[in-house]
C-alpha atoms as a PDB file:
ATOM      1  CA  MET A   1     124.475  77.546  94.209  1.00  0.00           C
ATOM      2  CA  ALA A   2     120.970  77.251  95.145  1.00  0.00           C
ATOM      3  CA  GLU A   3     121.537  79.324  98.572  1.00  0.00           C
ATOM      4  CA  GLN A   4     123.212  81.980  96.698  1.00  0.00           C
ATOM      5  CA  ASN A   5     120.086  82.162  94.376  1.00  0.00           C
ATOM      6  CA  VAL A   6     117.691  82.363  97.319  1.00  0.00           C
ATOM      7  CA  GLN A   7     119.927  85.306  99.111  1.00  0.00           C
ATOM      8  CA  ARG A   8     119.948  87.202  95.375  1.00  0.00           C
ATOM      9  CA  LEU A   9     115.955  86.789  95.123  1.00  0.00           C
ATOM     10  CA  ILE A  10     115.478  88.012  98.704  1.00  0.00           C
ATOM     11  CA  ARG A  11     117.497  91.152  97.605  1.00  0.00           C
ATOM     12  CA  VAL A  12     115.633  91.391  94.545  1.00  0.00           C
ATOM     13  CA  ARG A  13     112.443  91.229  96.740  1.00  0.00           C
ATOM     14  CA  ALA A  14     113.544  94.170  98.955  1.00  0.00           C
ATOM     15  CA  GLU A  15     114.535  96.171  95.750  1.00  0.00           C
ATOM     16  CA  LYS A  16     111.177  96.365  94.243  1.00  0.00           C
ATOM     17  CA  ARG A  17     109.282  96.761  97.402  1.00  0.00           C
ATOM     18  CA  ALA A  18     106.930  99.901  97.062  1.00  0.00           C
ATOM     19  CA  LYS A  19     105.377 101.823  99.581  1.00  0.00           C
ATOM     20  CA  PHE A  20     101.905 101.929  99.098  1.00  0.00           C
ATOM     21  CA  THR A  21     100.325 104.962 100.669  1.00  0.00           C
ATOM     22  CA  ARG A  22      96.736 105.555 101.553  1.00  0.00           C
ATOM     23  CA  ARG A  23      95.032 108.961  99.764  1.00  0.00           C
ATOM     24  CA  GLY A  24      94.850 111.653 102.002  1.00  0.00           C
ATOM     25  CA  VAL A  25      96.869 110.187 105.024  1.00  0.00           C
ATOM     26  CA  HIS A  26      99.494 113.304 105.182  1.00  0.00           C
ATOM     27  CA  MET A  27      96.197 115.631 105.381  1.00  0.00           C
ATOM     28  CA  LYS A  28      94.135 114.302 107.946  1.00  0.00           C
ATOM     29  CA  LYS A  29      95.288 112.708 111.342  1.00  0.00           C
ATOM     30  CA  ARG A  30      92.749 110.228 111.902  1.00  0.00           C
ATOM     31  CA  ILE A  31      93.615 108.156 108.527  1.00  0.00           C
ATOM     32  CA  ALA A  32      95.359 105.396 109.149  1.00  0.00           C
ATOM     33  CA  ASP A  33      98.775 104.703 106.630  1.00  0.00           C
ATOM     34  CA  SER A  34      97.108 101.329 105.852  1.00  0.00           C
ATOM     35  CA  TRP A  35      96.577 100.816 102.203  1.00  0.00           C
ATOM     36  CA  ARG A  36      92.880 100.919 101.217  1.00  0.00           C
ATOM     37  CA  ARG A  37      91.754 100.891  97.153  1.00  0.00           C
ATOM     38  CA  PRO A  38      90.903 104.227  96.124  1.00  0.00           C
ATOM     39  CA  SER A  39      87.383 104.440  95.105  1.00  0.00           C
ATOM     40  CA  GLY A  40      85.499 106.989  93.610  1.00  0.00           C
ATOM     41  CA  GLN A  41      84.787 108.651  89.895  1.00  0.00           C
ATOM     42  CA  HIS A  42      87.401 111.161  89.905  1.00  0.00           C
ATOM     43  CA  ASN A  43      89.995 109.678  92.196  1.00  0.00           C
ATOM     44  CA  LYS A  44      93.382 110.639  90.676  1.00  0.00           C
ATOM     45  CA  GLN A  45      95.196 107.725  92.430  1.00  0.00           C
ATOM     46  CA  ARG A  46      92.614 105.339  91.222  1.00  0.00           C
ATOM     47  CA  ARG A  47      93.297 106.522  87.816  1.00  0.00           C
ATOM     48  CA  GLN A  48      96.897 106.057  88.398  1.00  0.00           C
ATOM     49  CA  LEU A  49      98.164 109.403  87.525  1.00  0.00           C
ATOM     50  CA  LYS A  50     101.918 109.315  88.248  1.00  0.00           C
ATOM     51  CA  ALA A  51     102.308 111.550  90.946  1.00  0.00           C
ATOM     52  CA  LYS A  52      99.438 110.407  93.393  1.00  0.00           C
ATOM     53  CA  GLY A  53     101.503 107.194  93.996  1.00  0.00           C
ATOM     54  CA  PRO A  54     101.419 103.738  92.990  1.00  0.00           C
ATOM     55  CA  LEU A  55      98.799 101.028  93.200  1.00  0.00           C
ATOM     56  CA  PRO A  56      99.495  97.318  94.072  1.00  0.00           C
ATOM     57  CA  THR A  57      99.606  95.330  90.913  1.00  0.00           C
ATOM     58  CA  PRO A  58     101.093  92.107  90.445  1.00  0.00           C
ATOM     59  CA  GLY A  59     104.487  93.563  89.041  1.00  0.00           C
ATOM     60  CA  TYR A  60     105.333  94.237  92.704  1.00  0.00           C
ATOM     61  CA  GLY A  61     105.117  90.695  94.052  1.00  0.00           C
ATOM     62  CA  SER A  62     107.968  88.734  95.209  1.00  0.00           C
ATOM     63  CA  PRO A  63     109.559  85.658  92.997  1.00  0.00           C
ATOM     64  CA  VAL A  64     107.732  82.588  93.782  1.00  0.00           C
ATOM     65  CA  ALA A  65     110.758  80.608  95.059  1.00  0.00           C
ATOM     66  CA  VAL A  66     111.222  83.218  97.829  1.00  0.00           C
ATOM     67  CA  ARG A  67     107.494  84.386  98.251  1.00  0.00           C
ATOM     68  CA  GLY A  68     106.904  84.115 102.477  1.00  0.00           C
ATOM     69  CA  PHE A  69     110.435  83.678 103.328  1.00  0.00           C
ATOM     70  CA  HIS A  70     111.869  85.671 106.262  1.00  0.00           C
ATOM     71  CA  PRO A  71     114.759  88.259 105.059  1.00  0.00           C
ATOM     72  CA  SER A  72     117.222  85.813 106.825  1.00  0.00           C
ATOM     73  CA  GLY A  73     116.501  83.501 103.801  1.00  0.00           C
ATOM     74  CA  TYR A  74     114.686  80.866 105.636  1.00  0.00           C
ATOM     75  CA  GLU A  75     110.780  79.747 105.513  1.00  0.00           C
ATOM     76  CA  GLU A  76     108.969  80.878 108.860  1.00  0.00           C
ATOM     77  CA  VAL A  77     106.909  78.189 110.402  1.00  0.00           C
ATOM     78  CA  ARG A  78     104.141  79.369 113.031  1.00  0.00           C
ATOM     79  CA  VAL A  79     104.236  77.053 116.213  1.00  0.00           C
ATOM     80  CA  PHE A  80     101.592  76.636 118.825  1.00  0.00           C
ATOM     81  CA  ASN A  81     102.749  73.636 120.967  1.00  0.00           C
ATOM     82  CA  PRO A  82     106.125  72.203 121.503  1.00  0.00           C
ATOM     83  CA  ALA A  83     105.071  68.964 119.416  1.00  0.00           C
ATOM     84  CA  ASP A  84     104.920  71.348 116.334  1.00  0.00           C
ATOM     85  CA  LEU A  85     108.649  71.684 116.328  1.00  0.00           C
ATOM     86  CA  ALA A  86     108.777  67.868 115.163  1.00  0.00           C
ATOM     87  CA  ALA A  87     107.792  68.815 111.947  1.00  0.00           C
ATOM     88  CA  VAL A  88     110.884  71.775 111.524  1.00  0.00           C
ATOM     89  CA  ASN A  89     113.624  71.518 109.340  1.00  0.00           C
ATOM     90  CA  PRO A  90     116.589  73.560 111.387  1.00  0.00           C
ATOM     91  CA  GLU A  91     118.431  74.003 108.089  1.00  0.00           C
ATOM     92  CA  THR A  92     115.730  75.543 106.082  1.00  0.00           C
ATOM     93  CA  GLN A  93     112.859  76.737 108.332  1.00  0.00           C
ATOM     94  CA  VAL A  94     113.010  78.852 111.440  1.00  0.00           C
ATOM     95  CA  VAL A  95     109.799  79.251 114.065  1.00  0.00           C
ATOM     96  CA  ARG A  96     107.992  81.836 115.271  1.00  0.00           C
ATOM     97  CA  ILE A  97     105.718  81.459 118.220  1.00  0.00           C
ATOM     98  CA  ALA A  98     102.162  82.191 117.858  1.00  0.00           C
ATOM     99  CA  GLY A  99     101.180  85.156 120.043  1.00  0.00           C
ATOM    100  CA  ALA A 100      98.221  83.643 121.633  1.00  0.00           C
ATOM    101  CA  VAL A 101     100.661  80.949 123.242  1.00  0.00           C
ATOM    102  CA  GLY A 102     101.181  81.599 127.285  1.00  0.00           C
ATOM    103  CA  ARG A 103     104.184  82.017 129.084  1.00  0.00           C
ATOM    104  CA  ARG A 104     104.416  78.305 130.231  1.00  0.00           C
ATOM    105  CA  LYS A 105     104.093  76.841 126.775  1.00  0.00           C
ATOM    106  CA  ARG A 106     106.358  79.523 125.407  1.00  0.00           C
ATOM    107  CA  GLU A 107     108.976  78.363 127.711  1.00  0.00           C
ATOM    108  CA  ALA A 108     108.617  74.586 126.706  1.00  0.00           C
ATOM    109  CA  ILE A 109     108.807  75.558 123.089  1.00  0.00           C
ATOM    110  CA  ALA A 110     111.792  77.463 123.677  1.00  0.00           C
ATOM    111  CA  LEU A 111     113.710  74.639 125.448  1.00  0.00           C
ATOM    112  CA  LYS A 112     112.748  72.296 123.042  1.00  0.00           C
ATOM    113  CA  ALA A 113     113.793  74.159 120.163  1.00  0.00           C
ATOM    114  CA  LEU A 114     117.369  74.926 122.159  1.00  0.00           C
ATOM    115  CA  GLU A 115     117.827  71.257 122.488  1.00  0.00           C
ATOM    116  CA  SER A 116     117.033  70.360 118.848  1.00  0.00           C
ATOM    117  CA  GLY A 117     118.822  73.504 117.449  1.00  0.00           C
ATOM    118  CA  ILE A 118     115.969  75.576 115.890  1.00  0.00           C
ATOM    119  CA  THR A 119     116.303  79.149 115.413  1.00  0.00           C
ATOM    120  CA  ILE A 120     113.214  81.393 117.155  1.00  0.00           C
ATOM    121  CA  LEU A 121     112.559  84.748 115.767  1.00  0.00           C
ATOM    122  CA  ASN A 122     110.206  86.342 118.361  1.00  0.00           C
ATOM    123  CA  LEU A 123     111.990  84.625 121.334  1.00  0.00           C
ATOM    124  CA  THR A 124     112.601  88.352 123.170  1.00  0.00           C
ATOM    125  CA  ALA A 125     108.658  88.565 123.186  1.00  0.00           C
ATOM    126  CA  MET A 126     108.651  86.388 126.146  1.00  0.00           C
ATOM    127  CA  PRO A 127     106.942  87.883 129.008  1.00  0.00           C
ATOM    128  CA  ALA A 128     109.668  88.155 132.347  1.00  0.00           C
ATOM    129  CA  LYS A 129     108.808  86.076 135.210  1.00  0.00           C
ATOM    130  CA  GLU A 130     107.534  87.839 138.047  1.00  0.00           C
ATOM    131  CA  GLU A 131     109.668  87.039 141.021  1.00  0.00           C
ATOM    132  CA  GLU A 132     108.493  85.927 144.244  1.00  0.00           C
ATOM    133  CA  ASN A 133     108.566  88.239 147.439  1.00  0.00           C
ATOM    134  CA  THR A 134     109.374  85.687 150.003  1.00  0.00           C
ATOM    135  CA  GLU A 135     110.761  87.931 152.454  1.00  0.00           C
ATOM    136  CA  GLU A 136     107.389  89.757 153.056  1.00  0.00           C
ATOM    137  CA  VAL A 137     105.714  86.719 153.635  1.00  0.00           C
ATOM    138  CA  THR A 138     108.216  84.763 156.294  1.00  0.00           C
ATOM    139  CA  ASN A 139     107.600  87.127 159.495  1.00  0.00           C
ATOM    140  CA  ASN A 140     105.665  89.754 160.276  1.00  0.00           C
ATOM    141  CA  GLU A 141     106.005  91.157 163.629  1.00  0.00           C
END
């Protein structure tokens, strides 16, 4: 029953999620589409006129029971080394390997996670190994 409730709350979170647009983003190419709070005495978006788009308010927050959860229903855990996997519960948590982790440690984390049955969210982000060209080195006659 608890699993059904979590899935329902994740659906509720997705339904009420709003797209907050920055003022003027459709007019200027240089304005990034990242939220900035409108400031200015006569700003219509700051004054919350309906046609100018919503402002982030507490009502848009996700339910506390599923806050920070992955859309799959699992809690995300960030991992920096293979030892961090010891604290992960594979039934309720999934792993995301930190971006600063290099290829060698990333492979070690992936192997240990595979052994313990832990799901890795960004496994495809692993860089491909460069193939060694042994044929060119063998004989240069």
